Protein backbone atom coordinates (compact mmCIF):
# COMPACT_ATOMS: atom_id res chain seq x y z
CA MET A 1 -132.89 -142.77 72.96
CA ILE A 2 -129.73 -141.69 72.09
CA ASP A 3 -126.94 -142.93 69.86
CA LEU A 4 -123.99 -144.54 72.03
CA LEU A 5 -120.58 -143.03 71.44
CA PRO A 6 -117.76 -145.20 70.05
CA ILE A 7 -115.53 -145.80 73.18
CA ARG A 8 -111.75 -145.78 72.02
CA THR A 9 -110.09 -148.17 74.74
CA GLN A 10 -106.45 -147.65 75.61
CA ARG A 11 -105.22 -150.85 77.81
CA THR A 12 -102.47 -150.34 80.15
CA PRO A 13 -99.48 -152.01 78.96
CA VAL A 14 -98.83 -153.67 82.60
CA SER A 15 -101.49 -154.22 85.07
CA ARG A 16 -100.97 -152.86 88.71
CA LEU A 17 -103.43 -155.63 89.94
CA ALA A 18 -100.66 -158.16 91.07
CA GLU A 19 -99.46 -155.23 93.67
CA LEU A 20 -102.66 -155.17 95.36
CA ASP A 21 -102.87 -156.46 99.03
CA PRO A 22 -106.30 -157.65 99.53
CA ASP A 23 -106.03 -158.13 103.18
CA ASN A 24 -105.08 -154.47 103.92
CA LEU A 25 -107.05 -152.08 101.33
CA GLU A 26 -107.03 -148.65 102.82
CA PHE A 27 -109.96 -146.74 101.54
CA GLY A 28 -109.77 -144.60 98.69
CA LYS A 29 -105.81 -145.16 98.12
CA VAL A 30 -105.47 -147.82 95.30
CA PHE A 31 -106.93 -147.22 92.21
CA SER A 32 -107.70 -149.51 89.62
CA ASP A 33 -105.67 -150.06 86.04
CA HIS A 34 -108.12 -147.68 83.95
CA MET A 35 -110.41 -144.66 83.72
CA PHE A 36 -113.71 -143.67 81.79
CA ALA A 37 -113.54 -140.11 80.02
CA MET A 38 -115.67 -138.17 77.98
CA ASP A 39 -116.01 -134.14 76.81
CA TYR A 40 -118.87 -131.77 76.30
CA ARG A 41 -118.51 -129.47 73.79
CA ASP A 42 -120.35 -127.62 71.12
CA GLY A 43 -123.66 -128.46 72.83
CA GLU A 44 -123.13 -132.36 72.80
CA TRP A 45 -121.10 -135.14 74.62
CA GLN A 46 -118.05 -136.66 72.61
CA GLU A 47 -115.07 -138.32 72.41
CA ALA A 48 -115.37 -141.12 74.64
CA GLN A 49 -112.50 -143.05 75.95
CA ILE A 50 -110.96 -145.44 78.51
CA VAL A 51 -107.68 -144.89 79.13
CA PRO A 52 -104.83 -146.04 81.75
CA TYR A 53 -105.42 -144.55 84.99
CA GLY A 54 -103.47 -141.37 85.47
CA ASN A 55 -102.90 -137.70 85.91
CA MET A 56 -104.86 -134.91 83.93
CA VAL A 57 -103.54 -131.67 82.41
CA VAL A 58 -105.93 -128.67 83.31
CA SER A 59 -105.57 -124.72 82.80
CA PRO A 60 -104.68 -122.69 85.55
CA ALA A 61 -107.94 -120.76 84.64
CA ASN A 62 -109.77 -124.08 84.90
CA SER A 63 -113.38 -122.61 86.00
CA ALA A 64 -114.13 -125.70 88.35
CA LEU A 65 -111.09 -124.62 90.12
CA HIS A 66 -112.13 -121.23 90.63
CA TYR A 67 -115.87 -121.13 90.77
CA GLY A 68 -116.50 -124.82 92.06
CA GLN A 69 -118.58 -126.11 89.19
CA ALA A 70 -117.45 -130.07 89.93
CA ILE A 71 -120.14 -132.80 91.09
CA PHE A 72 -119.52 -136.43 91.77
CA GLU A 73 -121.16 -139.89 93.02
CA GLY A 74 -120.27 -142.89 94.72
CA MET A 75 -121.43 -146.41 94.00
CA LYS A 76 -120.28 -149.70 94.29
CA ALA A 77 -119.57 -153.17 92.39
CA TYR A 78 -119.73 -156.58 94.00
CA ARG A 79 -118.25 -160.03 93.73
CA LEU A 80 -121.36 -162.29 93.19
CA THR A 81 -121.14 -165.83 94.79
CA ASP A 82 -121.28 -167.29 91.22
CA GLY A 83 -118.24 -165.32 90.64
CA GLY A 84 -119.49 -162.67 88.36
CA VAL A 85 -120.05 -158.77 89.14
CA ALA A 86 -122.66 -156.72 89.63
CA LEU A 87 -123.33 -152.90 90.24
CA PHE A 88 -125.93 -151.93 93.18
CA ARG A 89 -128.56 -149.57 92.05
CA PRO A 90 -126.71 -147.55 89.23
CA LEU A 91 -129.66 -145.89 87.83
CA ASP A 92 -130.27 -144.20 90.73
CA ASN A 93 -126.78 -142.95 90.93
CA TRP A 94 -127.23 -141.74 87.11
CA ALA A 95 -130.39 -140.19 88.11
CA ARG A 96 -128.75 -138.34 91.24
CA LEU A 97 -125.62 -137.04 89.40
CA ASN A 98 -128.17 -135.61 86.99
CA THR A 99 -129.99 -133.78 89.90
CA SER A 100 -126.42 -132.37 91.00
CA ALA A 101 -125.89 -131.36 87.33
CA GLU A 102 -129.23 -129.80 87.02
CA ARG A 103 -128.45 -127.64 90.70
CA MET A 104 -124.92 -126.70 89.69
CA CYS A 105 -125.92 -125.44 86.04
CA MET A 106 -124.12 -128.32 84.02
CA PRO A 107 -125.27 -130.55 81.42
CA LEU A 108 -127.13 -134.08 82.06
CA VAL A 109 -125.33 -137.06 81.52
CA PRO A 110 -127.63 -139.46 79.16
CA GLU A 111 -128.57 -142.88 80.91
CA GLU A 112 -127.16 -144.92 77.74
CA LEU A 113 -123.78 -143.36 77.83
CA PHE A 114 -123.65 -143.36 81.69
CA MET A 115 -124.29 -146.90 81.43
CA GLN A 116 -122.40 -147.88 78.53
CA GLY A 117 -119.11 -146.14 79.99
CA LEU A 118 -119.66 -147.86 83.52
CA ARG A 119 -120.32 -151.29 82.11
CA GLU A 120 -117.30 -151.34 79.87
CA LEU A 121 -115.14 -149.77 82.61
CA ILE A 122 -115.90 -152.30 85.04
CA SER A 123 -115.82 -155.09 82.55
CA LEU A 124 -112.23 -154.37 81.68
CA ASP A 125 -111.34 -153.96 85.36
CA ALA A 126 -113.42 -156.80 86.67
CA GLY A 127 -110.44 -158.01 88.31
CA TRP A 128 -110.07 -155.52 90.56
CA VAL A 129 -113.66 -156.35 92.61
CA PRO A 130 -112.64 -158.12 95.78
CA THR A 131 -113.50 -161.32 96.73
CA ALA A 132 -113.27 -161.08 100.58
CA GLU A 133 -116.20 -160.34 102.82
CA GLY A 134 -117.20 -156.53 103.16
CA GLY A 135 -115.07 -155.70 100.09
CA ALA A 136 -116.17 -154.10 96.92
CA LEU A 137 -115.28 -152.10 94.48
CA TYR A 138 -115.93 -148.17 94.83
CA ILE A 139 -116.76 -146.15 92.08
CA ARG A 140 -116.48 -142.55 91.47
CA PRO A 141 -118.04 -140.83 88.62
CA PHE A 142 -117.83 -136.94 88.50
CA MET A 143 -117.98 -134.01 86.31
CA PHE A 144 -116.31 -130.77 86.33
CA ALA A 145 -116.25 -127.57 84.20
CA THR A 146 -113.08 -127.22 81.89
CA ASP A 147 -113.30 -123.85 80.31
CA GLY A 148 -109.86 -121.93 80.84
CA PHE A 149 -111.74 -118.76 81.81
CA ILE A 150 -111.88 -116.23 84.52
CA GLY A 151 -115.43 -115.00 85.14
CA VAL A 152 -118.57 -116.05 87.14
CA ARG A 153 -120.53 -117.83 84.57
CA PRO A 154 -121.21 -121.31 83.72
CA SER A 155 -118.61 -123.22 81.86
CA ASP A 156 -119.26 -124.15 78.09
CA SER A 157 -117.21 -127.16 78.47
CA TYR A 158 -117.11 -130.09 80.93
CA ARG A 159 -115.53 -133.28 81.19
CA PHE A 160 -117.45 -136.38 82.74
CA MET A 161 -115.53 -139.35 84.11
CA ILE A 162 -115.29 -142.67 86.13
CA PHE A 163 -112.54 -144.23 88.08
CA THR A 164 -112.63 -147.08 90.42
CA THR A 165 -110.82 -148.19 94.02
CA PRO A 166 -110.76 -151.57 95.50
CA VAL A 167 -111.95 -150.94 99.34
CA GLY A 168 -112.88 -152.78 102.46
CA SER A 169 -114.58 -151.53 105.64
CA TYR A 170 -114.65 -147.56 105.82
CA TYR A 171 -115.17 -147.40 109.63
CA THR A 172 -113.65 -150.38 111.65
CA LYS A 173 -115.66 -149.60 114.62
CA PRO A 174 -118.80 -147.86 116.19
CA LEU A 175 -118.43 -144.24 115.83
CA ARG A 176 -118.50 -141.27 118.75
CA VAL A 177 -120.26 -138.44 117.27
CA ARG A 178 -121.35 -135.03 118.52
CA PHE A 179 -124.31 -133.04 117.34
CA GLU A 180 -123.02 -129.59 115.74
CA GLN A 181 -125.17 -126.53 116.62
CA LYS A 182 -122.78 -123.69 115.45
CA TYR A 183 -121.42 -124.72 112.26
CA VAL A 184 -124.07 -125.35 109.44
CA ARG A 185 -123.44 -127.86 106.54
CA SER A 186 -126.14 -126.68 104.52
CA ALA A 187 -129.18 -124.47 104.53
CA GLU A 188 -132.64 -124.75 103.18
CA GLY A 189 -132.69 -123.51 99.49
CA GLY A 190 -129.00 -124.29 99.54
CA ALA A 191 -127.09 -127.13 97.34
CA GLY A 192 -126.92 -129.80 100.51
CA TYR A 193 -129.27 -132.09 98.21
CA ALA A 194 -126.40 -132.01 95.56
CA LYS A 195 -122.97 -133.84 95.68
CA ASN A 196 -121.27 -130.81 94.66
CA ALA A 197 -117.59 -130.69 95.85
CA GLY A 198 -117.95 -127.56 97.70
CA ASN A 199 -120.36 -129.15 100.38
CA TYR A 200 -117.53 -131.42 101.28
CA GLY A 201 -114.92 -128.58 101.50
CA ALA A 202 -116.90 -126.48 103.60
CA ALA A 203 -117.67 -129.17 106.16
CA MET A 204 -113.87 -130.11 106.89
CA TYR A 205 -112.92 -127.23 109.20
CA PRO A 206 -116.04 -128.07 112.05
CA THR A 207 -115.29 -131.84 111.44
CA LYS A 208 -111.78 -131.19 112.30
CA LEU A 209 -112.61 -129.58 115.26
CA ALA A 210 -114.77 -132.28 116.60
CA GLN A 211 -112.15 -135.01 115.85
CA GLN A 212 -109.50 -132.92 117.91
CA GLU A 213 -112.20 -133.29 120.82
CA GLY A 214 -112.27 -137.01 120.38
CA TYR A 215 -115.22 -137.81 118.25
CA ASN A 216 -115.08 -139.37 114.61
CA GLN A 217 -117.76 -137.31 113.02
CA LEU A 218 -120.84 -134.81 113.25
CA ILE A 219 -124.44 -134.77 113.38
CA TRP A 220 -125.54 -131.84 111.42
CA THR A 221 -128.38 -130.12 112.09
CA ASP A 222 -130.39 -127.10 110.60
CA SER A 223 -129.34 -123.87 109.75
CA THR A 224 -132.22 -121.68 111.49
CA GLU A 225 -132.61 -123.52 115.08
CA HIS A 226 -129.44 -125.71 115.06
CA GLN A 227 -131.70 -128.31 116.75
CA TYR A 228 -132.98 -130.62 113.86
CA VAL A 229 -130.75 -133.63 112.51
CA GLU A 230 -129.88 -133.16 109.00
CA GLU A 231 -127.01 -135.73 108.32
CA SER A 232 -123.91 -137.63 109.95
CA GLY A 233 -120.93 -136.80 108.51
CA THR A 234 -120.99 -137.31 105.19
CA MET A 235 -123.93 -139.94 105.98
CA ASN A 236 -127.66 -139.89 106.50
CA ALA A 237 -128.77 -140.24 109.95
CA ILE A 238 -131.23 -142.96 110.99
CA PHE A 239 -132.43 -143.87 114.67
CA VAL A 240 -134.24 -146.91 116.10
CA ILE A 241 -136.51 -145.39 118.67
CA ASP A 242 -138.89 -147.61 120.52
CA GLY A 243 -138.91 -150.11 117.97
CA ARG A 244 -139.58 -147.70 115.28
CA VAL A 245 -137.05 -146.48 112.63
CA VAL A 246 -136.77 -142.98 112.63
CA THR A 247 -135.02 -140.55 109.77
CA PRO A 248 -135.12 -136.84 108.97
CA ALA A 249 -137.28 -136.26 105.82
CA LEU A 250 -135.72 -135.40 102.72
CA SER A 251 -134.95 -131.50 102.02
CA THR A 252 -133.12 -129.27 99.82
CA SER A 253 -130.59 -129.49 102.72
CA ILE A 254 -130.49 -133.50 102.99
CA LEU A 255 -128.60 -135.75 100.31
CA ASP A 256 -131.21 -138.25 98.92
CA GLY A 257 -128.93 -141.48 100.02
CA ILE A 258 -129.34 -144.31 97.88
CA THR A 259 -128.34 -146.68 100.92
CA ARG A 260 -130.71 -144.70 102.95
CA ARG A 261 -133.24 -145.64 100.36
CA SER A 262 -132.24 -148.95 100.77
CA VAL A 263 -132.24 -149.53 104.47
CA LEU A 264 -135.87 -147.85 104.49
CA GLN A 265 -137.18 -150.18 102.11
CA LEU A 266 -135.58 -153.23 103.86
CA ALA A 267 -137.08 -152.13 107.20
CA ARG A 268 -140.54 -152.05 105.63
CA ASP A 269 -140.15 -155.62 104.25
CA MET A 270 -139.06 -156.59 107.74
CA GLY A 271 -142.46 -155.17 108.83
CA ILE A 272 -141.13 -152.52 110.90
CA GLU A 273 -142.30 -148.96 110.93
CA VAL A 274 -140.71 -145.85 109.62
CA GLU A 275 -141.05 -142.39 110.09
CA GLU A 276 -139.53 -139.98 107.77
CA ARG A 277 -140.15 -136.58 109.59
CA LYS A 278 -138.17 -133.87 111.73
CA VAL A 279 -135.83 -135.48 114.41
CA SER A 280 -134.58 -133.01 116.95
CA SER A 281 -131.30 -133.35 119.09
CA ARG A 282 -133.56 -133.03 122.24
CA GLU A 283 -135.62 -136.06 121.21
CA VAL A 284 -132.81 -137.93 120.54
CA ILE A 285 -131.13 -137.32 123.77
CA ALA A 286 -134.49 -137.85 125.70
CA ALA A 287 -134.83 -141.31 123.98
CA LEU A 288 -131.23 -142.30 124.94
CA VAL A 289 -131.95 -140.99 128.47
CA ALA A 290 -135.20 -142.91 128.94
CA GLY A 291 -133.88 -146.05 127.59
CA LYS A 292 -135.76 -145.90 124.08
CA LEU A 293 -133.18 -145.24 121.83
CA GLU A 294 -131.92 -148.63 120.59
CA GLU A 295 -129.79 -147.98 117.84
CA ALA A 296 -128.19 -144.90 115.97
CA PHE A 297 -126.17 -145.01 112.64
CA GLY A 298 -125.12 -143.65 109.62
CA VAL A 299 -125.78 -144.81 106.29
CA GLY A 300 -124.18 -144.16 102.82
CA THR A 301 -122.34 -145.70 99.92
CA ALA A 302 -118.56 -145.69 101.35
CA ALA A 303 -119.33 -146.81 105.28
CA THR A 304 -122.79 -148.63 104.02
CA ILE A 305 -123.65 -148.70 107.72
CA ALA A 306 -121.88 -147.22 110.39
CA PRO A 307 -123.17 -147.81 114.03
CA ILE A 308 -122.75 -144.87 116.39
CA ALA A 309 -121.66 -145.82 120.19
CA THR A 310 -121.71 -142.44 121.67
CA ILE A 311 -123.05 -139.24 120.80
CA GLY A 312 -121.91 -135.90 122.35
CA TYR A 313 -124.81 -133.03 123.17
CA GLN A 314 -123.96 -129.54 125.01
CA GLY A 315 -120.81 -131.06 126.44
CA GLN A 316 -121.92 -134.05 127.61
CA ASP A 317 -121.40 -137.86 126.20
CA TYR A 318 -124.36 -140.22 125.95
CA ASP A 319 -123.34 -143.83 125.59
CA LEU A 320 -126.04 -145.83 123.40
CA PRO A 321 -126.79 -149.43 124.67
CA VAL A 322 -124.34 -151.96 123.19
CA VAL A 323 -126.43 -154.28 120.39
CA GLY A 324 -127.21 -157.91 120.48
CA PRO A 325 -127.09 -159.94 117.24
CA THR A 326 -131.00 -159.46 116.30
CA ALA A 327 -130.59 -155.62 116.57
CA PHE A 328 -131.73 -153.87 113.18
CA THR A 329 -128.69 -152.59 111.90
CA LYS A 330 -127.08 -156.24 112.22
CA ARG A 331 -130.28 -157.59 110.30
CA VAL A 332 -130.16 -154.95 107.81
CA THR A 333 -126.38 -155.11 107.03
CA ALA A 334 -126.71 -158.88 106.40
CA ALA A 335 -129.94 -158.25 104.48
CA LEU A 336 -128.27 -155.74 102.10
CA ASN A 337 -124.82 -157.99 101.87
CA ALA A 338 -126.76 -161.04 100.47
CA ILE A 339 -128.80 -159.03 98.05
CA ARG A 340 -125.50 -157.50 96.41
CA THR A 341 -123.68 -160.77 96.37
CA GLY A 342 -126.79 -162.54 94.89
CA ALA A 343 -126.96 -164.86 98.07
CA ALA A 344 -130.59 -163.77 98.42
CA PRO A 345 -133.31 -162.95 96.03
CA ASP A 346 -133.20 -159.42 94.45
CA LEU A 347 -136.93 -158.61 95.12
CA HIS A 348 -136.58 -154.84 94.08
CA ASN A 349 -134.15 -155.45 91.13
CA TRP A 350 -131.34 -153.58 92.76
CA MET A 351 -128.61 -155.18 91.01
CA VAL A 352 -127.51 -155.14 87.65
CA ARG A 353 -125.26 -157.44 86.52
CA VAL A 354 -122.06 -156.26 84.33
């Protein structure tokens, strides 16, 4: 156990909540009233505070801007059926943040400080948690180097922050994706398993090329053979093949998605066989052509579950069958929503009430 820090709270003089249009929530464009911050200096975390959401001042020589020491998390809080608010698997996000921090040579954030800042921030801005079906408060914890220094070495100082944004659905219709077999998101032994900012920046150009071809996202493949599925866009990829839930096994080039973990656990709870193994583009297309690929979808915090309607492979598009009401994606989405809102028992203790 470590001692909690006193959190100095400066409330916004005028809340912007009244300006929020809950029926038209554009993902990631409207931010809640407050943000949490604390600084790492002289070998310890200090000066924890909650302040009104706003801009920051950083040095032009800020080492995160030049050398990429920046990591983040994505998580959500949900409105419960009894009117309360609960966080979905926050300790898993805390643990993954520290996995990323270790890989990027950054200080770890103690669990007590992470949860203390998170709870106080969400309590203060609880009014921003949407009540509409499918809505949630997206939470963005992040950390970046703050040294003003030009030189390739780990920073001595860091800032950890959390801000939030009320959101609705990330995708409004099934996706068109294609296999990416030239560009690489991450290589084995790299930092693909960490949520560091550079992973996402490097993925933008190949994604842009795919979008110019009419696709929403990519299915990334491995860096050696360009055949084995890694992720789908910024999500983990899952397939339902001949009644089995199949997904790439985790590696140093694949993010350990918390939504992925949850979906696989719920599949097992439903008695469905789950396979975590190598999955090739050839296998996916062969299963689709043979009528054995029943569903394909991406899973992640932002999108939750994003069904795939079309897969492009070697210049040809392949359409997946239209799923019915008993499809796995429908059932697992309903099961997740019920747990997150308190409408169903939380058998795995995923929810943490604020």
